[in-house]
């Protein structure tokens, strides 16, 4: 449970920071970023496996690059459901999803290393 809370807060901080760096992403306050983080996590847990299965041929043909489009659309969808977070364009969602994905990857690697110790 502590790892879940920590990851949620880290993603929320990342989204909050991304809103200052990426034009087109607006986050009203930190609570909105936390809600967005929770919605994004829920969408990833519930919808991502089905979407990945349905888009397998496209991902295969593009050598996995279509995964970036999937991440962008899921990021945009989470913003639609989270009040206080606005994503103005596809490219803003693309850059936001890319930055959040990079930070999440780093956090996951840190948690894997701490689990082994």
N, C-alpha and C. Protein backbone atom coordinates (compact mmCIF):
# COMPACT_ATOMS: atom_id res chain seq x y z
N UNK A 1 0.82 -1.19 0.00
CA UNK A 1 0.00 0.00 0.00
C UNK A 1 0.87 1.26 0.00
N UNK A 2 1.98 1.19 0.72
CA UNK A 2 2.87 2.35 0.78
C UNK A 2 3.48 2.64 -0.60
N UNK A 3 3.81 1.58 -1.36
CA UNK A 3 4.37 1.78 -2.70
C UNK A 3 3.34 2.41 -3.62
N UNK A 4 2.08 1.99 -3.49
CA UNK A 4 1.01 2.56 -4.31
C UNK A 4 0.86 4.06 -4.04
N UNK A 5 0.85 4.43 -2.78
CA UNK A 5 0.71 5.83 -2.41
C UNK A 5 1.93 6.63 -2.89
N UNK A 6 3.11 6.05 -2.71
CA UNK A 6 4.33 6.72 -3.15
C UNK A 6 4.33 6.93 -4.66
N UNK A 7 3.97 5.91 -5.42
CA UNK A 7 3.93 6.03 -6.88
C UNK A 7 2.88 7.04 -7.32
N UNK A 8 1.73 7.03 -6.66
CA UNK A 8 0.68 7.99 -7.00
C UNK A 8 1.15 9.41 -6.77
N UNK A 9 1.81 9.65 -5.66
CA UNK A 9 2.30 11.00 -5.35
C UNK A 9 3.41 11.40 -6.33
N UNK A 10 4.29 10.48 -6.69
CA UNK A 10 5.36 10.79 -7.63
C UNK A 10 4.79 11.14 -9.00
N UNK A 11 3.81 10.35 -9.47
CA UNK A 11 3.18 10.66 -10.76
C UNK A 11 2.45 12.01 -10.68
N UNK A 12 1.79 12.27 -9.56
CA UNK A 12 1.09 13.55 -9.39
C UNK A 12 2.09 14.71 -9.41
N UNK A 13 3.21 14.56 -8.73
CA UNK A 13 4.25 15.60 -8.77
C UNK A 13 4.79 15.79 -10.18
N UNK A 14 4.95 14.68 -10.90
CA UNK A 14 5.43 14.76 -12.28
C UNK A 14 4.44 15.50 -13.16
N UNK A 15 3.17 15.15 -13.04
CA UNK A 15 2.15 15.83 -13.84
C UNK A 15 2.09 17.31 -13.48
N UNK A 16 2.19 17.61 -12.21
CA UNK A 16 2.18 19.00 -11.77
C UNK A 16 3.39 19.75 -12.35
N UNK A 17 4.54 19.11 -12.35
CA UNK A 17 5.74 19.72 -12.94
C UNK A 17 5.65 19.85 -14.45
N UNK A 18 5.09 18.83 -15.10
CA UNK A 18 4.94 18.85 -16.55
C UNK A 18 4.03 20.01 -16.97
N UNK A 19 3.06 20.35 -16.14
CA UNK A 19 2.15 21.44 -16.49
C UNK A 19 2.89 22.78 -16.58
N UNK A 20 4.02 22.90 -15.90
CA UNK A 20 4.81 24.12 -15.98
C UNK A 20 5.75 24.12 -17.19
N UNK A 21 6.08 22.94 -17.68
CA UNK A 21 7.06 22.81 -18.75
C UNK A 21 6.40 22.72 -20.13
N UNK A 22 5.28 22.02 -20.21
CA UNK A 22 4.64 21.74 -21.49
C UNK A 22 3.47 22.71 -21.71
N UNK A 23 3.56 23.54 -22.73
CA UNK A 23 2.41 24.40 -23.03
C UNK A 23 1.25 23.53 -23.50
N UNK A 24 0.06 23.81 -23.00
CA UNK A 24 -1.11 23.04 -23.39
C UNK A 24 -1.58 22.09 -22.32
N UNK A 25 -0.79 21.92 -21.26
CA UNK A 25 -1.22 21.12 -20.12
C UNK A 25 -1.37 22.06 -18.93
N UNK A 26 -2.57 22.06 -18.37
CA UNK A 26 -2.87 22.93 -17.23
C UNK A 26 -3.39 22.09 -16.08
N UNK A 27 -2.80 22.28 -14.91
CA UNK A 27 -3.25 21.60 -13.70
C UNK A 27 -3.58 22.69 -12.68
N UNK A 28 -4.83 22.70 -12.21
CA UNK A 28 -5.28 23.75 -11.29
C UNK A 28 -4.54 23.73 -9.96
N UNK A 29 -4.39 22.54 -9.37
CA UNK A 29 -3.74 22.44 -8.06
C UNK A 29 -3.21 21.02 -7.88
N UNK A 30 -2.53 20.80 -6.77
CA UNK A 30 -1.92 19.48 -6.55
C UNK A 30 -2.97 18.39 -6.36
N UNK A 31 -4.10 18.73 -5.75
CA UNK A 31 -5.17 17.74 -5.58
C UNK A 31 -5.68 17.26 -6.93
N UNK A 32 -5.80 18.17 -7.88
CA UNK A 32 -6.21 17.78 -9.23
C UNK A 32 -5.18 16.84 -9.86
N UNK A 33 -3.90 17.08 -9.59
CA UNK A 33 -2.84 16.20 -10.10
C UNK A 33 -2.92 14.82 -9.47
N UNK A 34 -3.27 14.76 -8.18
CA UNK A 34 -3.42 13.46 -7.51
C UNK A 34 -4.61 12.70 -8.10
N UNK A 35 -5.72 13.38 -8.31
CA UNK A 35 -6.89 12.75 -8.92
C UNK A 35 -6.55 12.26 -10.31
N UNK A 36 -5.85 13.09 -11.08
CA UNK A 36 -5.42 12.68 -12.42
C UNK A 36 -4.54 11.43 -12.36
N UNK A 37 -3.63 11.40 -11.40
CA UNK A 37 -2.74 10.25 -11.24
C UNK A 37 -3.54 8.98 -10.93
N UNK A 38 -4.54 9.10 -10.07
CA UNK A 38 -5.38 7.95 -9.74
C UNK A 38 -6.20 7.50 -10.94
N UNK A 39 -6.76 8.45 -11.69
CA UNK A 39 -7.55 8.11 -12.89
C UNK A 39 -6.66 7.46 -13.93
N UNK A 40 -5.48 8.01 -14.14
CA UNK A 40 -4.54 7.43 -15.10
C UNK A 40 -4.17 6.00 -14.71
N UNK A 41 -3.91 5.79 -13.44
CA UNK A 41 -3.61 4.44 -12.96
C UNK A 41 -4.77 3.48 -13.17
N UNK A 42 -5.97 3.94 -12.91
CA UNK A 42 -7.16 3.10 -13.10
C UNK A 42 -7.36 2.77 -14.57
N UNK A 43 -7.19 3.76 -15.43
CA UNK A 43 -7.33 3.51 -16.87
C UNK A 43 -6.26 2.53 -17.34
N UNK A 44 -5.04 2.68 -16.85
CA UNK A 44 -3.96 1.77 -17.25
C UNK A 44 -4.22 0.35 -16.78
N UNK A 45 -4.78 0.19 -15.59
CA UNK A 45 -5.04 -1.15 -15.07
C UNK A 45 -6.21 -1.81 -15.80
N UNK A 46 -7.27 -1.06 -16.03
CA UNK A 46 -8.48 -1.64 -16.61
C UNK A 46 -8.49 -1.68 -18.13
N UNK A 47 -8.04 -0.62 -18.78
CA UNK A 47 -8.18 -0.55 -20.23
C UNK A 47 -6.96 -0.91 -21.03
N UNK A 48 -5.80 -0.71 -20.48
CA UNK A 48 -4.57 -0.91 -21.23
C UNK A 48 -4.39 -2.33 -21.78
N UNK A 49 -4.66 -3.39 -21.01
CA UNK A 49 -4.48 -4.73 -21.58
C UNK A 49 -5.35 -4.99 -22.81
N UNK A 50 -6.60 -4.55 -22.77
CA UNK A 50 -7.50 -4.75 -23.91
C UNK A 50 -7.05 -3.92 -25.11
N UNK A 51 -6.66 -2.69 -24.86
CA UNK A 51 -6.20 -1.82 -25.95
C UNK A 51 -4.93 -2.38 -26.57
N UNK A 52 -4.02 -2.87 -25.74
CA UNK A 52 -2.78 -3.45 -26.27
C UNK A 52 -3.07 -4.69 -27.11
N UNK A 53 -4.04 -5.48 -26.69
CA UNK A 53 -4.41 -6.68 -27.45
C UNK A 53 -5.02 -6.29 -28.80
N UNK A 54 -5.93 -5.33 -28.78
CA UNK A 54 -6.60 -4.92 -30.01
C UNK A 54 -5.67 -4.22 -31.00
N UNK A 55 -4.66 -3.57 -30.50
CA UNK A 55 -3.75 -2.83 -31.38
C UNK A 55 -2.45 -3.58 -31.66
N UNK A 56 -2.41 -4.85 -31.33
CA UNK A 56 -1.19 -5.63 -31.54
C UNK A 56 -0.67 -5.55 -32.98
N UNK A 57 -1.54 -5.70 -34.00
CA UNK A 57 -1.00 -5.62 -35.37
C UNK A 57 -0.34 -4.27 -35.67
N UNK A 58 -0.94 -3.18 -35.21
CA UNK A 58 -0.34 -1.86 -35.44
C UNK A 58 0.98 -1.71 -34.69
N UNK A 59 1.01 -2.20 -33.47
CA UNK A 59 2.26 -2.12 -32.70
C UNK A 59 3.33 -2.96 -33.36
N UNK A 60 2.97 -4.09 -33.88
CA UNK A 60 3.94 -4.97 -34.53
C UNK A 60 4.47 -4.32 -35.82
N UNK A 61 3.56 -3.74 -36.61
CA UNK A 61 3.97 -3.11 -37.87
C UNK A 61 4.85 -1.88 -37.65
N UNK A 62 4.64 -1.19 -36.54
CA UNK A 62 5.41 0.03 -36.26
C UNK A 62 6.56 -0.22 -35.30
N UNK A 63 6.89 -1.49 -35.08
CA UNK A 63 7.98 -1.87 -34.18
C UNK A 63 7.78 -1.29 -32.77
N UNK A 64 6.54 -1.23 -32.33
CA UNK A 64 6.22 -0.79 -30.98
C UNK A 64 6.00 0.70 -30.82
N UNK A 65 6.24 1.47 -31.86
CA UNK A 65 6.09 2.92 -31.75
C UNK A 65 4.63 3.35 -31.57
N UNK A 66 3.69 2.52 -32.00
CA UNK A 66 2.28 2.85 -31.80
C UNK A 66 1.93 2.89 -30.32
N UNK A 67 2.75 2.27 -29.49
CA UNK A 67 2.54 2.33 -28.05
C UNK A 67 2.58 3.77 -27.56
N UNK A 68 3.38 4.61 -28.19
CA UNK A 68 3.42 6.03 -27.83
C UNK A 68 2.08 6.70 -28.09
N UNK A 69 1.42 6.32 -29.17
CA UNK A 69 0.09 6.87 -29.48
C UNK A 69 -0.92 6.38 -28.44
N UNK A 70 -0.83 5.11 -28.06
CA UNK A 70 -1.72 4.56 -27.03
C UNK A 70 -1.53 5.32 -25.73
N UNK A 71 -0.29 5.52 -25.32
CA UNK A 71 -0.01 6.26 -24.09
C UNK A 71 -0.56 7.68 -24.16
N UNK A 72 -0.43 8.31 -25.31
CA UNK A 72 -0.94 9.66 -25.50
C UNK A 72 -2.45 9.70 -25.34
N UNK A 73 -3.14 8.76 -25.97
CA UNK A 73 -4.61 8.73 -25.88
C UNK A 73 -5.08 8.42 -24.46
N UNK A 74 -4.39 7.55 -23.75
CA UNK A 74 -4.76 7.25 -22.37
C UNK A 74 -4.51 8.45 -21.46
N UNK A 75 -3.44 9.18 -21.71
CA UNK A 75 -3.15 10.40 -20.96
C UNK A 75 -4.25 11.44 -21.19
N UNK A 76 -4.64 11.61 -22.44
CA UNK A 76 -5.69 12.55 -22.79
C UNK A 76 -7.02 12.12 -22.18
N UNK A 77 -7.32 10.82 -22.21
CA UNK A 77 -8.56 10.31 -21.63
C UNK A 77 -8.60 10.54 -20.12
N UNK A 78 -7.49 10.34 -19.46
CA UNK A 78 -7.44 10.58 -18.02
C UNK A 78 -7.70 12.06 -17.72
N UNK A 79 -7.20 12.94 -18.57
CA UNK A 79 -7.44 14.38 -18.37
C UNK A 79 -8.91 14.72 -18.56
N UNK A 80 -9.59 14.00 -19.42
CA UNK A 80 -11.01 14.24 -19.64
C UNK A 80 -11.84 13.88 -18.41
N UNK A 81 -11.39 12.88 -17.65
CA UNK A 81 -12.13 12.42 -16.48
C UNK A 81 -11.70 13.12 -15.19
N UNK A 82 -10.53 13.70 -15.17
CA UNK A 82 -10.02 14.34 -13.95
C UNK A 82 -10.31 15.83 -14.01
N UNK A 83 -11.15 16.29 -13.12
CA UNK A 83 -11.47 17.72 -13.07
C UNK A 83 -10.23 18.49 -12.62
N UNK A 84 -9.98 19.61 -13.25
CA UNK A 84 -8.84 20.44 -12.87
C UNK A 84 -7.61 20.20 -13.70
N UNK A 85 -7.66 19.25 -14.63
CA UNK A 85 -6.53 18.99 -15.52
C UNK A 85 -7.04 19.14 -16.95
N UNK A 86 -6.36 19.99 -17.72
CA UNK A 86 -6.75 20.24 -19.10
C UNK A 86 -5.56 19.94 -20.00
N UNK A 87 -5.80 19.14 -21.03
CA UNK A 87 -4.79 18.87 -22.05
C UNK A 87 -5.35 19.43 -23.35
N UNK A 88 -4.69 20.43 -23.90
CA UNK A 88 -5.23 21.20 -25.02
C UNK A 88 -5.09 20.53 -26.38
N UNK A 89 -4.04 19.73 -26.57
CA UNK A 89 -3.81 19.18 -27.90
C UNK A 89 -3.19 17.79 -27.81
N UNK A 90 -3.17 17.14 -28.97
CA UNK A 90 -2.55 15.82 -29.06
C UNK A 90 -1.07 15.90 -28.70
N UNK A 91 -0.38 16.93 -29.20
CA UNK A 91 1.06 17.03 -28.97
C UNK A 91 1.38 17.34 -27.52
N UNK A 92 0.54 18.11 -26.87
CA UNK A 92 0.73 18.34 -25.44
C UNK A 92 0.56 17.04 -24.68
N UNK A 93 -0.45 16.26 -25.05
CA UNK A 93 -0.67 14.96 -24.41
C UNK A 93 0.49 14.01 -24.71
N UNK A 94 1.02 14.08 -25.93
CA UNK A 94 2.14 13.23 -26.31
C UNK A 94 3.36 13.50 -25.45
N UNK A 95 3.72 14.78 -25.33
CA UNK A 95 4.90 15.15 -24.54
C UNK A 95 4.65 14.85 -23.06
N UNK A 96 3.45 15.16 -22.57
CA UNK A 96 3.12 14.87 -21.18
C UNK A 96 3.19 13.39 -20.87
N UNK A 97 2.61 12.58 -21.75
CA UNK A 97 2.65 11.12 -21.55
C UNK A 97 4.07 10.59 -21.61
N UNK A 98 4.86 11.15 -22.51
CA UNK A 98 6.26 10.73 -22.64
C UNK A 98 7.04 11.03 -21.36
N UNK A 99 6.89 12.25 -20.84
CA UNK A 99 7.61 12.63 -19.63
C UNK A 99 7.14 11.84 -18.41
N UNK A 100 5.83 11.67 -18.28
CA UNK A 100 5.30 10.88 -17.16
C UNK A 100 5.74 9.42 -17.29
N UNK A 101 5.77 8.91 -18.50
CA UNK A 101 6.22 7.54 -18.72
C UNK A 101 7.69 7.33 -18.36
N UNK A 102 8.53 8.30 -18.70
CA UNK A 102 9.95 8.21 -18.36
C UNK A 102 10.15 8.21 -16.85
N UNK A 103 9.46 9.12 -16.16
CA UNK A 103 9.57 9.19 -14.70
C UNK A 103 9.02 7.90 -14.07
N UNK A 104 7.91 7.39 -14.59
CA UNK A 104 7.34 6.14 -14.06
C UNK A 104 8.29 4.97 -14.25
N UNK A 105 8.96 4.94 -15.40
CA UNK A 105 9.93 3.88 -15.67
C UNK A 105 11.07 3.93 -14.66
N UNK A 106 11.56 5.13 -14.39
CA UNK A 106 12.65 5.29 -13.41
C UNK A 106 12.17 4.87 -12.02
N UNK A 107 10.98 5.30 -11.62
CA UNK A 107 10.45 4.95 -10.31
C UNK A 107 10.26 3.44 -10.19
N UNK A 108 9.76 2.80 -11.24
CA UNK A 108 9.59 1.34 -11.21
C UNK A 108 10.93 0.63 -11.05
N UNK A 109 11.96 1.13 -11.71
CA UNK A 109 13.28 0.53 -11.58
C UNK A 109 13.83 0.70 -10.16
N UNK A 110 13.59 1.84 -9.55
CA UNK A 110 14.04 2.08 -8.18
C UNK A 110 13.32 1.13 -7.23
N UNK A 111 12.01 0.96 -7.43
CA UNK A 111 11.26 0.05 -6.56
C UNK A 111 11.69 -1.41 -6.76
N UNK A 112 12.03 -1.80 -7.98
CA UNK A 112 12.52 -3.16 -8.22
C UNK A 112 13.85 -3.38 -7.51
N UNK A 113 14.74 -2.40 -7.57
CA UNK A 113 16.04 -2.55 -6.91
C UNK A 113 15.89 -2.59 -5.40
N UNK A 114 14.97 -1.78 -4.84
CA UNK A 114 14.79 -1.78 -3.40
C UNK A 114 14.11 -3.06 -2.92
N UNK A 115 13.35 -3.71 -3.80
CA UNK A 115 12.69 -4.97 -3.44
C UNK A 115 13.72 -6.10 -3.33
N UNK A 116 14.75 -6.06 -4.20
CA UNK A 116 15.79 -7.09 -4.18
C UNK A 116 16.67 -6.99 -2.94
N UNK A 117 16.84 -5.80 -2.41
CA UNK A 117 17.72 -5.59 -1.26
C UNK A 117 17.12 -6.08 0.02
